[in-house]
Amino acid sequence: MEAERTRRQVRRELTDRLMVEYAGAVPAGQVLAAVVRIDRLLSSYHPSAADRMALCEELVRHRLVERIARTHQPRLARAAS
């Protein structure tokens, strides 16, 4: 029970930190969804909470940067014929 509470607290702290860092570029709900999704994915592969959260943070950051790059790509104007 205590381990689950600690896990949720660490996940919440990571989410809060990433929400602040990516504020204005990625909506808070998308940051939360990415953290929860990746944490669940990793829970069966990494029994160590510290290793799982470190990898989770790295993967979430990568996903958020990709999302920012996709949404902020300059659009090329078509040449008028």
N, C-alpha and C. Protein backbone atom coordinates (compact mmCIF):
# COMPACT_ATOMS: atom_id res chain seq x y z
N MET A 1 0.83 -1.19 0.00
CA MET A 1 0.00 0.00 0.00
C MET A 1 0.87 1.26 0.00
N GLU A 2 1.87 1.27 0.85
CA GLU A 2 2.77 2.43 0.94
C GLU A 2 3.58 2.58 -0.35
N ALA A 3 3.98 1.46 -0.95
CA ALA A 3 4.74 1.52 -2.20
C ALA A 3 3.90 2.15 -3.31
N GLU A 4 2.62 1.80 -3.37
CA GLU A 4 1.74 2.37 -4.40
C GLU A 4 1.55 3.87 -4.18
N ARG A 5 1.42 4.27 -2.94
CA ARG A 5 1.27 5.70 -2.63
C ARG A 5 2.53 6.46 -3.04
N THR A 6 3.69 5.89 -2.74
CA THR A 6 4.95 6.52 -3.11
C THR A 6 5.08 6.59 -4.63
N ARG A 7 4.68 5.53 -5.31
CA ARG A 7 4.74 5.50 -6.77
C ARG A 7 3.86 6.60 -7.36
N ARG A 8 2.65 6.74 -6.85
CA ARG A 8 1.75 7.79 -7.34
C ARG A 8 2.32 9.17 -7.07
N GLN A 9 2.94 9.34 -5.91
CA GLN A 9 3.52 10.63 -5.56
C GLN A 9 4.67 10.98 -6.50
N VAL A 10 5.53 10.02 -6.78
CA VAL A 10 6.66 10.25 -7.68
C VAL A 10 6.14 10.55 -9.08
N ARG A 11 5.12 9.82 -9.52
CA ARG A 11 4.53 10.06 -10.84
C ARG A 11 3.89 11.45 -10.90
N ARG A 12 3.23 11.85 -9.83
CA ARG A 12 2.60 13.18 -9.78
C ARG A 12 3.67 14.28 -9.82
N GLU A 13 4.77 14.09 -9.09
CA GLU A 13 5.85 15.08 -9.09
C GLU A 13 6.48 15.20 -10.48
N LEU A 14 6.68 14.06 -11.14
CA LEU A 14 7.21 14.08 -12.50
C LEU A 14 6.25 14.81 -13.44
N THR A 15 4.97 14.50 -13.32
CA THR A 15 3.96 15.15 -14.16
C THR A 15 3.94 16.65 -13.93
N ASP A 16 3.96 17.06 -12.67
CA ASP A 16 3.94 18.49 -12.35
C ASP A 16 5.16 19.21 -12.93
N ARG A 17 6.32 18.58 -12.79
CA ARG A 17 7.56 19.19 -13.29
C ARG A 17 7.51 19.33 -14.82
N LEU A 18 7.03 18.30 -15.50
CA LEU A 18 6.96 18.35 -16.96
C LEU A 18 5.89 19.32 -17.43
N MET A 19 4.80 19.44 -16.69
CA MET A 19 3.76 20.40 -17.05
C MET A 19 4.30 21.83 -17.02
N VAL A 20 5.12 22.11 -16.02
CA VAL A 20 5.72 23.45 -15.91
C VAL A 20 6.72 23.67 -17.04
N GLU A 21 7.55 22.67 -17.31
CA GLU A 21 8.58 22.81 -18.33
C GLU A 21 7.99 22.96 -19.73
N TYR A 22 6.89 22.27 -20.00
CA TYR A 22 6.31 22.30 -21.35
C TYR A 22 5.05 23.16 -21.42
N ALA A 23 4.83 23.99 -20.43
CA ALA A 23 3.65 24.86 -20.41
C ALA A 23 3.66 25.76 -21.64
N GLY A 24 2.52 25.90 -22.25
CA GLY A 24 2.41 26.72 -23.44
C GLY A 24 2.68 25.98 -24.73
N ALA A 25 3.42 24.88 -24.65
CA ALA A 25 3.73 24.10 -25.85
C ALA A 25 2.89 22.83 -25.93
N VAL A 26 2.61 22.24 -24.77
CA VAL A 26 1.83 21.00 -24.71
C VAL A 26 0.78 21.17 -23.62
N PRO A 27 -0.49 20.88 -23.92
CA PRO A 27 -1.52 20.98 -22.88
C PRO A 27 -1.23 20.05 -21.70
N ALA A 28 -1.60 20.49 -20.51
CA ALA A 28 -1.32 19.72 -19.30
C ALA A 28 -1.91 18.32 -19.35
N GLY A 29 -3.09 18.19 -19.91
CA GLY A 29 -3.74 16.88 -20.00
C GLY A 29 -2.95 15.90 -20.84
N GLN A 30 -2.31 16.40 -21.88
CA GLN A 30 -1.49 15.53 -22.73
C GLN A 30 -0.22 15.10 -22.01
N VAL A 31 0.33 15.98 -21.19
CA VAL A 31 1.51 15.61 -20.39
C VAL A 31 1.12 14.52 -19.40
N LEU A 32 0.02 14.71 -18.70
CA LEU A 32 -0.45 13.71 -17.74
C LEU A 32 -0.71 12.38 -18.43
N ALA A 33 -1.39 12.40 -19.55
CA ALA A 33 -1.70 11.16 -20.28
C ALA A 33 -0.43 10.44 -20.70
N ALA A 34 0.57 11.18 -21.16
CA ALA A 34 1.83 10.57 -21.58
C ALA A 34 2.54 9.91 -20.41
N VAL A 35 2.58 10.58 -19.27
CA VAL A 35 3.25 10.02 -18.09
C VAL A 35 2.54 8.76 -17.62
N VAL A 36 1.23 8.80 -17.52
CA VAL A 36 0.47 7.64 -17.04
C VAL A 36 0.63 6.47 -18.01
N ARG A 37 0.51 6.74 -19.31
CA ARG A 37 0.61 5.69 -20.32
C ARG A 37 1.97 5.01 -20.29
N ILE A 38 3.02 5.80 -20.24
CA ILE A 38 4.37 5.22 -20.27
C ILE A 38 4.69 4.54 -18.95
N ASP A 39 4.25 5.09 -17.83
CA ASP A 39 4.48 4.43 -16.54
C ASP A 39 3.81 3.06 -16.51
N ARG A 40 2.60 2.97 -17.01
CA ARG A 40 1.91 1.67 -17.07
C ARG A 40 2.63 0.70 -17.99
N LEU A 41 3.09 1.20 -19.11
CA LEU A 41 3.82 0.35 -20.05
C LEU A 41 5.08 -0.22 -19.42
N LEU A 42 5.79 0.60 -18.66
CA LEU A 42 7.07 0.19 -18.08
C LEU A 42 6.92 -0.63 -16.81
N SER A 43 5.78 -0.60 -16.16
CA SER A 43 5.63 -1.25 -14.85
C SER A 43 5.91 -2.75 -14.91
N SER A 44 5.62 -3.39 -16.01
CA SER A 44 5.87 -4.83 -16.09
C SER A 44 7.32 -5.14 -16.48
N TYR A 45 8.04 -4.16 -16.99
CA TYR A 45 9.41 -4.40 -17.44
C TYR A 45 10.47 -3.97 -16.44
N HIS A 46 10.16 -2.98 -15.62
CA HIS A 46 11.14 -2.44 -14.68
C HIS A 46 10.58 -2.48 -13.27
N PRO A 47 10.93 -3.50 -12.51
CA PRO A 47 10.41 -3.57 -11.14
C PRO A 47 10.98 -2.49 -10.23
N SER A 48 12.15 -1.97 -10.56
CA SER A 48 12.75 -0.91 -9.75
C SER A 48 12.05 0.41 -10.05
N ALA A 49 11.47 1.00 -9.02
CA ALA A 49 10.72 2.25 -9.21
C ALA A 49 11.62 3.38 -9.70
N ALA A 50 12.82 3.47 -9.18
CA ALA A 50 13.72 4.55 -9.58
C ALA A 50 14.11 4.42 -11.05
N ASP A 51 14.46 3.21 -11.47
CA ASP A 51 14.81 2.99 -12.88
C ASP A 51 13.62 3.25 -13.79
N ARG A 52 12.46 2.79 -13.37
CA ARG A 52 11.25 2.97 -14.17
C ARG A 52 10.93 4.46 -14.34
N MET A 53 11.02 5.23 -13.27
CA MET A 53 10.69 6.66 -13.36
C MET A 53 11.72 7.42 -14.19
N ALA A 54 12.99 7.03 -14.09
CA ALA A 54 14.02 7.69 -14.91
C ALA A 54 13.77 7.42 -16.39
N LEU A 55 13.47 6.18 -16.72
CA LEU A 55 13.18 5.84 -18.11
C LEU A 55 11.87 6.47 -18.55
N CYS A 56 10.89 6.49 -17.68
CA CYS A 56 9.60 7.11 -17.97
C CYS A 56 9.81 8.58 -18.32
N GLU A 57 10.59 9.29 -17.52
CA GLU A 57 10.84 10.70 -17.78
C GLU A 57 11.51 10.90 -19.13
N GLU A 58 12.50 10.08 -19.42
CA GLU A 58 13.20 10.20 -20.70
C GLU A 58 12.26 9.96 -21.88
N LEU A 59 11.43 8.93 -21.79
CA LEU A 59 10.50 8.62 -22.88
C LEU A 59 9.42 9.69 -23.04
N VAL A 60 8.92 10.19 -21.92
CA VAL A 60 7.89 11.24 -22.00
C VAL A 60 8.48 12.50 -22.62
N ARG A 61 9.67 12.88 -22.21
CA ARG A 61 10.31 14.07 -22.79
C ARG A 61 10.47 13.90 -24.31
N HIS A 62 10.90 12.72 -24.71
CA HIS A 62 11.07 12.45 -26.14
C HIS A 62 9.74 12.57 -26.87
N ARG A 63 8.70 11.99 -26.31
CA ARG A 63 7.37 12.05 -26.93
C ARG A 63 6.87 13.49 -27.01
N LEU A 64 7.06 14.27 -25.96
CA LEU A 64 6.58 15.65 -25.96
C LEU A 64 7.34 16.51 -26.97
N VAL A 65 8.64 16.30 -27.07
CA VAL A 65 9.43 17.05 -28.04
C VAL A 65 8.99 16.70 -29.46
N GLU A 66 8.72 15.42 -29.71
CA GLU A 66 8.22 15.02 -31.03
C GLU A 66 6.88 15.69 -31.32
N ARG A 67 6.01 15.73 -30.33
CA ARG A 67 4.70 16.35 -30.51
C ARG A 67 4.85 17.84 -30.82
N ILE A 68 5.74 18.51 -30.10
CA ILE A 68 5.97 19.94 -30.34
C ILE A 68 6.51 20.14 -31.76
N ALA A 69 7.44 19.30 -32.17
CA ALA A 69 8.02 19.42 -33.50
C ALA A 69 6.96 19.21 -34.59
N ARG A 70 6.07 18.26 -34.38
CA ARG A 70 5.01 18.01 -35.37
C ARG A 70 4.04 19.17 -35.47
N THR A 71 3.69 19.76 -34.34
CA THR A 71 2.67 20.81 -34.36
C THR A 71 3.23 22.17 -34.72
N HIS A 72 4.53 22.34 -34.62
CA HIS A 72 5.12 23.65 -34.91
C HIS A 72 6.00 23.65 -36.14
N GLN A 73 5.80 22.68 -37.03
CA GLN A 73 6.58 22.66 -38.26
C GLN A 73 6.13 23.80 -39.17
N PRO A 74 7.08 24.46 -39.78
CA PRO A 74 6.68 25.52 -40.71
C PRO A 74 5.99 24.91 -41.93
N ARG A 75 4.97 25.52 -42.35
CA ARG A 75 4.23 25.04 -43.52
C ARG A 75 4.77 25.77 -44.75
N LEU A 76 5.05 25.00 -45.77
CA LEU A 76 5.54 25.59 -47.01
C LEU A 76 4.35 26.07 -47.82
N ALA A 77 4.44 27.29 -48.26
CA ALA A 77 3.36 27.84 -49.08
C ALA A 77 3.50 27.31 -50.50
N ARG A 78 2.38 26.95 -51.07
CA ARG A 78 2.40 26.49 -52.45
C ARG A 78 2.60 27.69 -53.37
N ALA A 79 3.41 27.49 -54.36
CA ALA A 79 3.66 28.57 -55.33
C ALA A 79 2.40 28.81 -56.15
N ALA A 80 2.08 30.05 -56.32
CA ALA A 80 0.90 30.40 -57.13
C ALA A 80 1.19 30.09 -58.59
N SER A 81 0.27 29.42 -59.22
CA SER A 81 0.47 29.05 -60.63
C SER A 81 0.00 30.13 -61.55
